[in-house]
Protein backbone atom coordinates (compact mmCIF):
# COMPACT_ATOMS: atom_id res chain seq x y z
CA MET A 1 -0.16 -0.06 0.00
CA ARG A 2 1.18 3.28 -0.82
CA THR A 3 1.90 5.61 2.16
CA ASN A 4 2.40 8.81 0.09
CA TYR A 5 -0.84 10.47 -0.90
CA GLY A 6 0.90 13.54 -2.26
CA LEU A 7 -0.72 15.47 -5.12
CA THR A 8 0.39 14.79 -8.62
CA THR A 9 -1.74 14.61 -11.61
CA LEU A 10 -1.80 11.97 -14.05
CA THR A 11 -0.82 13.73 -17.58
CA ILE A 12 -1.82 12.81 -20.95
CA ARG A 13 1.62 12.62 -21.94
CA THR A 14 2.72 10.02 -19.23
CA THR A 15 -0.11 7.87 -20.79
CA ARG A 16 0.70 8.46 -24.45
CA PHE A 17 4.32 7.58 -23.59
CA ALA A 18 3.34 4.21 -22.17
CA TRP A 19 1.16 3.45 -25.24
CA ARG A 20 4.07 4.25 -27.56
CA ARG A 21 6.03 1.89 -25.55
CA ALA A 22 3.53 -0.79 -26.06
CA LYS A 23 3.38 -0.03 -29.66
CA TYR A 24 7.32 -0.20 -29.99
CA VAL A 25 7.08 -3.66 -28.43
CA VAL A 26 4.55 -5.10 -30.97
CA GLU A 27 5.99 -3.38 -33.97
CA ARG A 28 9.75 -4.24 -33.28
CA THR A 29 9.40 -7.83 -32.22
CA ASN A 30 12.78 -8.63 -33.64
CA MET A 31 14.17 -6.57 -30.93
CA ASN A 32 16.87 -8.23 -28.78
CA ALA A 33 15.95 -9.82 -25.59
CA SER A 34 17.46 -7.23 -23.26
CA GLU A 35 15.34 -4.63 -25.11
CA VAL A 36 12.21 -6.49 -24.29
CA LEU A 37 13.08 -6.60 -20.64
CA ARG A 38 13.90 -2.99 -20.55
CA ILE A 39 10.64 -1.95 -22.29
CA VAL A 40 8.56 -4.17 -19.86
CA ASP A 41 10.26 -2.62 -16.92
CA ALA A 42 9.83 0.79 -18.21
CA ILE A 43 5.95 0.19 -18.60
CA HIS A 44 5.87 -1.28 -15.27
CA ARG A 45 7.61 1.95 -13.68
CA ASP A 46 5.38 4.29 -15.83
CA LYS A 47 2.03 2.87 -15.26
CA ASN A 48 2.61 0.93 -11.83
CA ILE A 49 1.43 -2.18 -13.47
CA ASP A 50 2.96 -5.59 -12.48
CA LYS A 51 5.69 -6.94 -14.65
CA GLU A 52 3.77 -10.33 -15.12
CA ILE A 53 0.77 -8.46 -16.25
CA VAL A 54 2.73 -6.63 -19.03
CA PHE A 55 4.46 -9.98 -20.14
CA GLU A 56 1.17 -11.66 -20.41
CA GLY A 57 -0.26 -8.63 -22.37
CA ILE A 58 2.35 -8.83 -24.93
CA GLU A 59 2.15 -12.42 -25.21
CA ASP A 60 -1.75 -12.38 -25.88
CA ALA A 61 -1.19 -9.43 -28.10
CA LEU A 62 1.32 -11.58 -30.37
CA VAL A 63 -1.10 -14.38 -30.24
CA SER A 64 -4.04 -12.39 -31.40
CA ALA A 65 -2.00 -10.87 -34.13
CA ALA A 66 -0.45 -14.13 -35.08
CA LYS A 67 -3.70 -15.61 -35.62
CA LYS A 68 -4.97 -12.99 -37.99
CA HIS A 69 -2.28 -14.45 -40.25
CA TYR A 70 -2.22 -18.10 -39.67
CA GLY A 71 -6.20 -18.25 -39.08
CA GLU A 72 -8.11 -18.29 -35.84
CA GLU A 73 -8.28 -22.23 -35.93
CA SER A 74 -4.73 -22.39 -35.33
CA ASP A 75 -3.28 -23.36 -32.04
CA ILE A 76 -0.88 -20.55 -31.46
CA THR A 77 1.21 -20.11 -28.11
CA VAL A 78 3.81 -17.29 -27.65
CA SER A 79 5.79 -17.19 -24.54
CA ILE A 80 8.42 -14.71 -23.40
CA ASP A 81 11.17 -15.72 -21.02
CA ARG A 82 10.84 -13.75 -18.03
CA GLU A 83 14.47 -13.84 -17.29
CA SER A 84 16.18 -13.51 -20.65
CA GLY A 85 13.43 -11.71 -22.51
CA ALA A 86 13.48 -14.37 -25.62
CA ILE A 87 10.22 -14.80 -27.45
CA THR A 88 9.16 -18.10 -28.42
CA ALA A 89 6.24 -18.97 -30.97
CA VAL A 90 4.53 -22.27 -31.69
CA CYS A 91 1.92 -22.94 -34.34
CA ASP A 92 0.16 -26.14 -34.38
CA GLY A 93 3.07 -27.90 -32.53
CA GLU A 94 5.54 -26.28 -35.05
CA GLU A 95 7.94 -23.84 -33.73
CA LEU A 96 8.11 -20.65 -35.60
CA ASP A 97 11.29 -18.90 -36.67
CA SER A 98 11.74 -15.62 -34.49
CA GLU A 99 12.42 -13.48 -37.60
CA GLU A 100 9.78 -15.04 -39.82
CA THR A 101 7.25 -14.73 -37.39
CA VAL A 102 8.16 -10.93 -36.76
CA GLY A 103 7.81 -10.48 -40.38
CA ARG A 104 4.22 -12.09 -40.74
CA ILE A 105 2.73 -10.82 -37.58
CA GLY A 106 0.14 -8.02 -38.12
CA ALA A 107 1.76 -5.41 -36.09
CA GLN A 108 -1.40 -3.06 -35.70
CA THR A 109 -3.62 -5.84 -34.60
CA ALA A 110 -0.95 -6.50 -31.88
CA LYS A 111 -0.61 -2.81 -31.12
CA GLN A 112 -4.48 -2.50 -30.61
CA VAL A 113 -4.73 -5.56 -28.28
CA MET A 114 -1.58 -4.34 -26.36
CA ILE A 115 -2.99 -0.86 -25.73
CA GLN A 116 -6.22 -2.37 -24.53
CA LYS A 117 -4.53 -4.85 -22.08
CA ILE A 118 -2.36 -1.83 -20.61
CA ARG A 119 -5.43 0.07 -20.17
CA GLU A 120 -7.26 -2.84 -18.20
CA ALA A 121 -3.94 -3.65 -16.26
CA GLU A 122 -3.74 0.08 -15.32
CA ARG A 123 -7.56 0.32 -14.32
CA ASP A 124 -7.15 -2.99 -12.33
CA ALA A 125 -4.06 -1.61 -10.59
CA LEU A 126 -5.85 1.63 -9.68
CA TYR A 127 -8.92 -0.32 -8.37
CA ASP A 128 -6.88 -2.55 -6.34
CA GLU A 129 -4.75 0.33 -4.96
CA TYR A 130 -7.67 2.48 -3.81
CA SER A 131 -10.08 -0.52 -2.86
CA GLU A 132 -7.23 -1.06 -0.06
CA LEU A 133 -7.42 2.71 0.82
CA GLN A 134 -11.36 2.64 1.59
CA GLY A 135 -11.93 4.49 4.85
CA GLU A 136 -8.50 6.01 4.84
CA MET A 137 -7.84 9.57 4.40
CA VAL A 138 -6.26 11.10 1.33
CA SER A 139 -5.64 14.60 0.46
CA GLY A 140 -6.08 16.27 -3.01
CA VAL A 141 -6.69 19.67 -4.69
CA VAL A 142 -10.24 20.83 -6.18
CA GLN A 143 -9.78 21.03 -9.86
CA ARG A 144 -13.72 21.71 -10.62
CA TYR A 145 -16.64 22.66 -8.63
CA GLU A 146 -19.71 22.13 -10.54
CA GLY A 147 -23.45 21.59 -9.27
CA GLY A 148 -22.35 21.19 -5.75
CA ALA A 149 -19.95 18.27 -6.72
CA ALA A 150 -16.17 18.67 -6.51
CA THR A 151 -13.71 17.10 -8.91
CA VAL A 152 -10.55 16.37 -6.66
CA ALA A 153 -7.21 15.33 -8.06
CA LEU A 154 -5.20 12.84 -6.27
CA ALA A 155 -1.86 11.22 -6.66
CA ASN A 156 -2.85 9.21 -9.83
CA VAL A 157 -6.56 9.49 -10.33
CA GLU A 158 -9.39 12.22 -10.17
CA ALA A 159 -12.08 11.51 -7.64
CA ILE A 160 -15.52 12.92 -7.02
CA LEU A 161 -16.61 14.38 -3.86
CA PRO A 162 -20.42 14.70 -4.30
CA ARG A 163 -22.62 16.96 -2.39
CA SER A 164 -24.19 14.40 -0.26
CA GLU A 165 -20.67 13.49 1.04
CA GLN A 166 -19.81 17.02 2.03
CA ILE A 167 -20.20 18.67 5.20
CA PRO A 168 -23.65 20.49 5.23
CA GLY A 169 -23.16 24.24 4.58
CA GLU A 170 -19.40 23.96 3.33
CA GLN A 171 -18.06 25.32 0.02
CA HIS A 172 -15.02 24.30 -2.01
CA HIS A 173 -13.09 26.44 -4.23
CA VAL A 174 -10.89 25.52 -7.26
CA ASN A 175 -7.04 24.91 -6.33
CA GLU A 176 -8.38 24.44 -2.58
CA ARG A 177 -6.69 21.63 -0.86
CA VAL A 178 -9.11 19.18 0.78
CA ARG A 179 -8.63 16.18 2.75
CA ALA A 180 -11.39 13.43 2.72
CA THR A 181 -11.84 9.59 3.08
CA VAL A 182 -12.11 7.00 0.23
CA PHE A 183 -15.71 6.07 0.51
CA GLU A 184 -16.44 3.90 -2.64
CA VAL A 185 -14.48 2.68 -5.40
CA ARG A 186 -15.80 1.14 -8.58
CA LYS A 187 -14.91 0.30 -12.12
CA ALA A 188 -16.53 2.22 -14.73
CA GLY A 189 -15.42 1.21 -18.20
CA SER A 190 -11.79 1.60 -18.86
CA ARG A 191 -11.70 3.95 -15.84
CA VAL A 192 -11.86 3.73 -12.21
CA LYS A 193 -14.45 6.04 -10.32
CA VAL A 194 -13.22 6.95 -6.72
CA ILE A 195 -16.05 8.62 -4.56
CA LEU A 196 -14.74 10.51 -1.60
CA SER A 197 -16.42 11.56 1.62
CA ARG A 198 -16.00 14.27 4.33
CA ALA A 199 -19.54 13.42 6.06
CA ARG A 200 -18.42 9.77 7.19
CA PRO A 201 -17.20 9.22 11.07
CA GLN A 202 -14.00 7.79 9.31
CA LEU A 203 -12.87 11.17 8.80
CA VAL A 204 -13.11 12.20 12.36
CA GLN A 205 -11.28 9.01 13.18
CA ARG A 206 -8.35 9.82 10.77
CA LEU A 207 -7.95 13.26 12.07
CA PHE A 208 -7.84 12.03 15.64
CA GLU A 209 -5.03 9.49 14.48
CA GLN A 210 -3.22 12.27 12.62
CA GLU A 211 -3.30 14.85 15.31
CA ILE A 212 -2.93 12.65 18.43
CA PRO A 213 0.32 10.47 18.46
CA GLU A 214 -0.91 8.41 21.59
CA ILE A 215 -3.40 6.86 19.18
CA ILE A 216 -0.95 5.70 16.49
CA ASP A 217 1.36 4.47 19.46
CA GLY A 218 -1.63 2.40 20.79
CA VAL A 219 -1.60 4.05 24.23
CA ILE A 220 -5.19 5.74 23.44
CA GLU A 221 -7.80 3.88 21.51
CA VAL A 222 -10.75 5.16 19.84
CA ARG A 223 -13.49 2.60 21.04
CA ALA A 224 -16.68 4.02 19.35
CA MET A 225 -17.59 7.12 17.34
CA SER A 226 -21.01 8.60 16.33
CA ARG A 227 -21.55 11.85 14.32
CA GLU A 228 -23.92 14.28 12.52
CA PRO A 229 -21.71 15.93 10.07
CA GLY A 230 -21.50 19.82 10.35
CA TYR A 231 -23.17 19.98 13.80
CA ARG A 232 -21.89 17.38 16.30
CA SER A 233 -19.66 14.21 16.95
CA LYS A 234 -19.24 11.93 20.18
CA VAL A 235 -15.95 9.91 20.29
CA ALA A 236 -15.50 7.37 23.09
CA VAL A 237 -11.62 6.83 23.97
CA SER A 238 -9.80 4.69 26.39
CA SER A 239 -6.33 4.51 27.73
CA SER A 240 -4.30 1.30 28.20
CA ASP A 241 -1.81 3.33 30.46
CA GLN A 242 -3.39 4.43 33.69
CA ARG A 243 -0.95 7.26 33.76
CA VAL A 244 -2.08 8.67 30.60
CA ASP A 245 -5.55 10.71 30.74
CA CYS A 246 -7.37 9.60 27.34
CA VAL A 247 -9.62 12.74 27.42
CA GLY A 248 -7.06 15.31 28.31
CA ALA A 249 -4.57 13.87 25.64
CA CYS A 250 -7.10 14.01 23.03
CA VAL A 251 -8.07 17.73 24.15
CA GLY A 252 -4.42 18.70 24.06
CA VAL A 253 -2.71 21.55 26.06
CA ARG A 254 -4.98 24.69 26.07
CA GLY A 255 -7.15 22.34 23.46
CA ASN A 256 -4.83 22.89 20.41
CA ARG A 257 -5.32 19.45 19.43
CA ILE A 258 -9.17 19.21 19.32
CA LYS A 259 -9.18 22.85 17.77
CA ASN A 260 -7.06 21.66 14.86
CA ILE A 261 -9.70 18.82 14.18
CA VAL A 262 -12.56 21.18 14.69
CA ASP A 263 -11.07 23.70 12.26
CA GLU A 264 -10.81 20.97 9.62
CA LEU A 265 -14.33 20.00 10.15
CA GLY A 266 -15.56 23.61 9.87
CA GLY A 267 -16.43 24.16 13.29
CA GLU A 268 -18.16 21.02 14.12
CA ARG A 269 -18.59 20.45 17.70
CA ILE A 270 -16.70 17.28 19.13
CA ASP A 271 -17.54 15.65 22.48
CA ILE A 272 -14.69 13.39 23.75
CA VAL A 273 -16.23 10.75 26.06
CA ARG A 274 -14.40 8.44 28.42
CA TRP A 275 -15.24 4.69 27.34
CA ASP A 276 -16.35 2.22 30.07
CA ASP A 277 -17.39 -1.38 29.48
CA ASN A 278 -20.21 -0.94 31.90
CA LEU A 279 -23.14 0.60 30.26
CA GLU A 280 -24.48 2.41 33.37
CA VAL A 281 -21.23 4.32 33.31
CA LEU A 282 -20.83 4.77 29.53
CA ILE A 283 -24.22 6.12 28.82
CA PRO A 284 -24.14 9.01 31.37
CA ASN A 285 -20.72 9.66 30.01
CA ALA A 286 -22.23 9.72 26.62
CA LEU A 287 -25.09 12.19 27.57
CA GLN A 288 -22.89 14.75 29.02
CA PRO A 289 -23.04 17.61 29.76
CA ALA A 290 -26.45 16.65 31.25
CA GLU A 291 -26.44 14.87 34.88
CA VAL A 292 -28.15 11.36 34.88
CA GLU A 293 -29.68 10.12 38.04
CA GLN A 294 -30.17 6.62 37.08
CA VAL A 295 -29.73 4.12 34.37
CA ILE A 296 -32.24 1.02 33.87
CA LEU A 297 -31.27 -1.55 31.15
CA CYS A 298 -33.95 -3.31 29.41
CA LYS A 299 -32.06 -6.14 27.85
CA MET A 300 -34.83 -7.78 26.11
CA LEU A 301 -35.50 -4.64 24.15
CA GLY A 302 -31.95 -3.47 23.99
CA ARG A 303 -33.19 -0.21 25.46
CA ALA A 304 -31.83 1.98 28.27
CA ILE A 305 -34.32 4.18 30.23
CA VAL A 306 -32.47 7.30 31.73
CA LEU A 307 -33.76 9.09 34.56
CA VAL A 308 -32.96 12.73 35.08
CA ARG A 309 -34.19 15.73 36.97
CA GLU A 310 -36.62 18.20 35.15
CA ASP A 311 -34.25 20.78 34.88
CA GLN A 312 -31.71 18.38 33.06
CA LEU A 313 -34.33 16.79 30.58
CA SER A 314 -33.90 19.44 27.68
CA LEU A 315 -30.13 19.41 28.16
CA ALA A 316 -30.01 15.46 28.08
CA ILE A 317 -32.27 15.27 24.91
CA GLY A 318 -30.39 17.87 23.29
CA ARG A 319 -31.49 20.33 20.67
CA ARG A 320 -33.97 18.54 18.25
CA GLY A 321 -33.02 15.37 19.96
CA GLN A 322 -29.42 15.33 18.92
CA ASN A 323 -27.78 14.67 22.12
CA VAL A 324 -29.62 11.56 22.99
CA ARG A 325 -29.53 10.31 19.23
CA LEU A 326 -25.64 10.49 19.41
CA ALA A 327 -25.53 8.70 22.70
CA SER A 328 -27.67 6.13 21.48
CA LYS A 329 -25.24 5.51 18.37
CA LEU A 330 -22.26 5.68 20.55
CA SER A 331 -23.46 3.15 22.91
CA GLY A 332 -25.35 0.87 20.62
CA TRP A 333 -28.51 0.94 22.71
CA ASP A 334 -31.91 2.76 22.32
CA ILE A 335 -31.95 5.36 24.73
CA GLU A 336 -35.18 6.82 26.27
CA ILE A 337 -34.85 9.86 28.52
CA MET A 338 -37.45 10.28 31.34
CA THR A 339 -38.02 11.92 34.80
CA GLN A 340 -38.94 9.84 37.63
CA GLU A 341 -42.53 11.10 37.35
CA GLU A 342 -42.93 10.22 33.68
CA LEU A 343 -41.69 6.71 34.36
CA ALA A 344 -44.09 6.22 37.24
CA GLU A 345 -46.79 7.27 34.90
CA SER A 346 -45.63 4.93 32.16
CA ILE A 347 -45.61 2.22 34.38
CA ASP A 348 -48.87 2.55 35.65
CA ARG A 349 -50.48 3.04 32.27
CA ALA A 350 -48.60 -0.13 30.94
CA VAL A 351 -49.81 -2.24 33.63
CA THR A 352 -53.30 -1.25 33.21
CA GLY A 353 -53.25 -1.39 29.51
CA PHE A 354 -51.84 -4.71 29.43
CA SER A 355 -54.01 -6.35 31.98
CA GLU A 356 -56.83 -5.42 29.67
CA LEU A 357 -55.67 -7.71 27.05
CA GLU A 358 -57.33 -11.00 26.63
CA GLY A 359 -55.12 -13.84 28.07
CA LEU A 360 -52.65 -11.69 29.77
CA GLU A 361 -52.83 -11.82 33.56
CA ILE A 362 -51.73 -9.02 35.80
CA GLU A 363 -48.65 -10.73 37.12
CA VAL A 364 -47.13 -11.37 33.42
CA ALA A 365 -48.20 -7.74 32.78
CA GLU A 366 -46.00 -6.58 35.69
CA ARG A 367 -43.07 -8.66 34.64
CA LEU A 368 -43.34 -7.27 31.15
CA VAL A 369 -42.96 -3.80 32.90
CA GLU A 370 -40.05 -4.70 34.76
CA GLU A 371 -38.30 -5.90 31.56
CA GLY A 372 -38.98 -2.23 30.05
CA PHE A 373 -42.22 -3.21 28.02
CA LEU A 374 -44.12 0.16 28.46
CA SER A 375 -46.30 0.49 25.39
CA TYR A 376 -48.30 -1.78 23.03
CA ASP A 377 -45.80 -1.18 20.49
CA ASP A 378 -43.04 -2.57 22.68
CA LEU A 379 -45.41 -5.55 23.26
CA SER A 380 -46.10 -6.22 19.72
CA ILE A 381 -42.52 -7.05 18.66
CA ILE A 382 -41.73 -9.41 21.63
CA GLU A 383 -40.26 -12.57 20.73
CA PRO A 384 -43.19 -15.24 21.04
CA ASP A 385 -40.89 -17.82 22.83
CA ALA A 386 -39.78 -15.25 25.42
CA LEU A 387 -43.65 -14.43 26.26
CA MET A 388 -44.29 -18.34 26.27
CA GLU A 389 -41.59 -18.69 28.75
CA MET A 390 -42.37 -15.60 30.99
CA GLY A 391 -46.06 -16.46 31.31
CA ASN A 392 -45.82 -20.24 30.81
CA MET A 393 -48.39 -19.86 27.89
CA PRO A 394 -49.36 -21.84 24.94
CA GLU A 395 -48.55 -20.82 21.48
CA GLU A 396 -52.03 -19.77 20.69
CA GLN A 397 -52.34 -17.82 23.65
CA VAL A 398 -49.28 -15.68 22.93
CA ASP A 399 -50.15 -15.14 19.21
CA LEU A 400 -53.57 -13.59 20.49
CA ILE A 401 -51.88 -11.19 22.74
CA VAL A 402 -49.26 -10.07 20.21
CA THR A 403 -52.36 -9.69 17.76
CA GLN A 404 -54.36 -7.48 20.25
CA ALA A 405 -50.91 -5.52 21.02
CA GLU A 406 -50.60 -4.89 17.40
CA GLU A 407 -53.93 -3.62 16.98
CA LYS A 408 -53.83 -1.30 20.03
CA ALA A 409 -50.58 -0.16 18.82
CA GLU A 410 -51.86 1.03 15.41
CA GLU A 411 -54.89 2.66 17.32
CA ALA A 412 -52.39 4.33 19.49
CA GLU A 413 -50.47 5.66 16.47
CA ALA A 414 -53.61 6.83 14.94
CA GLN A 415 -54.68 8.73 17.97
CA ALA A 416 -51.06 10.26 18.11
CA GLU A 417 -51.05 11.32 14.43
CA GLN A 418 -54.46 12.98 15.08
CA ALA A 419 -53.12 14.54 18.27
CA ARG A 420 -50.23 15.78 16.19
CA LYS A 421 -52.36 17.30 13.39
CA LEU A 422 -54.44 18.91 15.94
CA LYS A 423 -51.44 20.52 17.63
CA ARG A 424 -50.05 21.71 14.30
CA GLU A 425 -53.52 23.37 13.66
CA GLN A 426 -53.49 24.82 16.89
CA GLU A 427 -50.08 26.16 16.26
CA ARG A 428 -51.29 27.59 12.90
CA ILE A 429 -54.14 29.37 14.50
CA ALA A 430 -51.95 30.74 17.12
CA ALA A 431 -49.55 31.92 14.85
CA ILE A 432 -52.24 33.70 12.64
CA GLU A 433 -53.68 35.29 15.92
CA GLU A 434 -50.41 36.47 17.14
CA GLU A 435 -49.72 37.82 13.63
CA GLU A 436 -53.19 39.81 14.05
CA ARG A 437 -52.40 41.20 17.32
CA ALA A 438 -48.99 42.15 16.09
CA LYS A 439 -50.75 44.09 13.47
CA GLU A 440 -53.09 45.56 15.67
CA ALA A 441 -50.43 46.82 18.16
CA ALA A 442 -48.46 48.31 15.23
CA ALA A 443 -51.49 50.18 13.97
CA ALA A 444 -52.27 51.35 17.53
CA GLU A 445 -48.76 52.63 17.90
CA ALA A 446 -49.15 54.28 14.55
CA ARG A 447 -52.15 56.03 15.55
CA ALA A 448 -50.71 57.02 18.82
CA ALA A 449 -47.79 58.48 17.06
CA ALA A 450 -49.71 60.54 14.82
CA ALA A 451 -51.96 61.71 17.68
CA GLY A 452 -48.63 62.88 19.30
CA GLU A 453 -47.40 64.61 16.41
CA ALA A 454 -50.85 66.42 15.83
CA GLU A 455 -50.67 67.47 19.40
CA ALA A 456 -47.17 68.63 19.29
CA ASP A 457 -48.12 70.59 16.14
CA GLY A 458 -51.03 72.23 17.96
CA GLU A 459 -48.57 73.25 20.90
CA ASN A 460 -46.16 74.64 18.66
CA ALA A 461 -48.84 76.56 16.76
CA VAL A 462 -50.15 78.15 20.19
CA ALA A 463 -46.74 78.89 21.29
CA ASP A 464 -45.94 80.58 17.88
CA SER A 465 -49.07 82.59 18.17
CA GLU A 466 -48.39 83.81 21.63
CA ALA A 467 -44.94 84.82 20.77
CA THR A 468 -46.25 86.86 17.79
CA GLU A 469 -48.75 88.59 20.02
CA SER A 470 -46.29 89.54 22.56
CA ALA A 471 -43.91 90.83 19.75
CA ASP A 472 -46.97 93.20 18.39
CA GLU A 473 -47.61 94.66 21.63
CA GLU A 474 -46.08 98.36 22.06
CA PRO A 475 -44.04 98.95 25.36
CA LYS A 476 -45.61 101.09 27.76
CA PRO A 477 -43.78 104.23 28.96
CA VAL A 478 -42.29 104.10 32.40
CA ASP A 479 -43.41 107.05 34.56
CA ALA A 480 -40.62 109.28 36.14
CA PRO A 481 -40.49 109.17 39.99
CA ALA A 482 -42.15 112.39 41.64
CA THR A 483 -39.84 115.00 42.80
CA GLU A 484 -40.72 117.79 45.24
């Protein structure tokens, strides 16, 4: 596997050079043995094609060309000595003279076959190379950016970074260097199509390996990862050395290590979680920064009921359920966030509802609730064998209970959908009413402002009038003081 993923574009000149060498092989088959070896070695180095494939390609080309002359029914074999380069041709059991063979072989036919072989061998070599790199990070330069998809030049192939595999909101520009993981490799005719991704969790994994030497050294291990690209990722790590703090090492001094990763991901938030084999410890770690009171594991359902205080409920769920969703992916268990009061209500409702099912006794209903079955939907997916063993019931009775649970679950879903529609309608009406109130308030403010301006204008007019009248009045003479 190549370790250098630097950027050097495969040029047309290199391809044509290899084809000219192929043509030279088949048109000059009277060359000496050392020249055969030299040209095979050159093609091997230029196109990264295994020498054995090149030898076989030349032999097939010569056989195909010879049959054009001797007839398709002829039994012709051509072999090239891998050590000396000597060419041996046999037709219907009779060895052909080397110079005679060279003179009679159709060089043009051999050339076409050889070029096709080189193309196929090059495609297969590229396919094998990049198939081994699936999930690995590569670096390339954007050559084109059209329709939201970027064409990225890698070491020896052009790859595609489609819009669906980009981080939401990011934009790429021509000549920009990008890092991505190899997501898919497939053959497309004579070419190899390489699909890149920046949205898969593997990119975060490779960035951690690049920025944190302890991961490459094996001291720290990434145990699990969940990601919603462009928004948030959770990475669970553990340390094989008690002296090394796995979380602190990943964060780095003053957060410099994690900052480099966040910058590469366009500001995506990354939560580093301390791994623990005990789910009752791992799940609270995964739900941080929310504080968890208790974790109840329902093993039959693969579900964990997490109890939190009322003031921690929204923090544990996260914006649009993002925190609990990522924690579920990280732990591999479905997580349901509840308060103590909500759990008590769910238990009472489940016991009452299950007891109403025909053939299900209250003791079995209580045992089902203890195992985490809190709704008809949960009960509808129970394994019949488990319910038969739990309640010591025959198969027919279990089938009846499951059928009733499915019907009740459908009714509950229909009621929930109706409630959602009603809620949406109420929100729509409330929004309309709020808009009308806002319009009325704006109109009232406009009227008040207009009235204020009119009142101000009136006061100004009175003041101006009084000032004019005062100016028009003549001053009264002042009497002189009387003298004796």
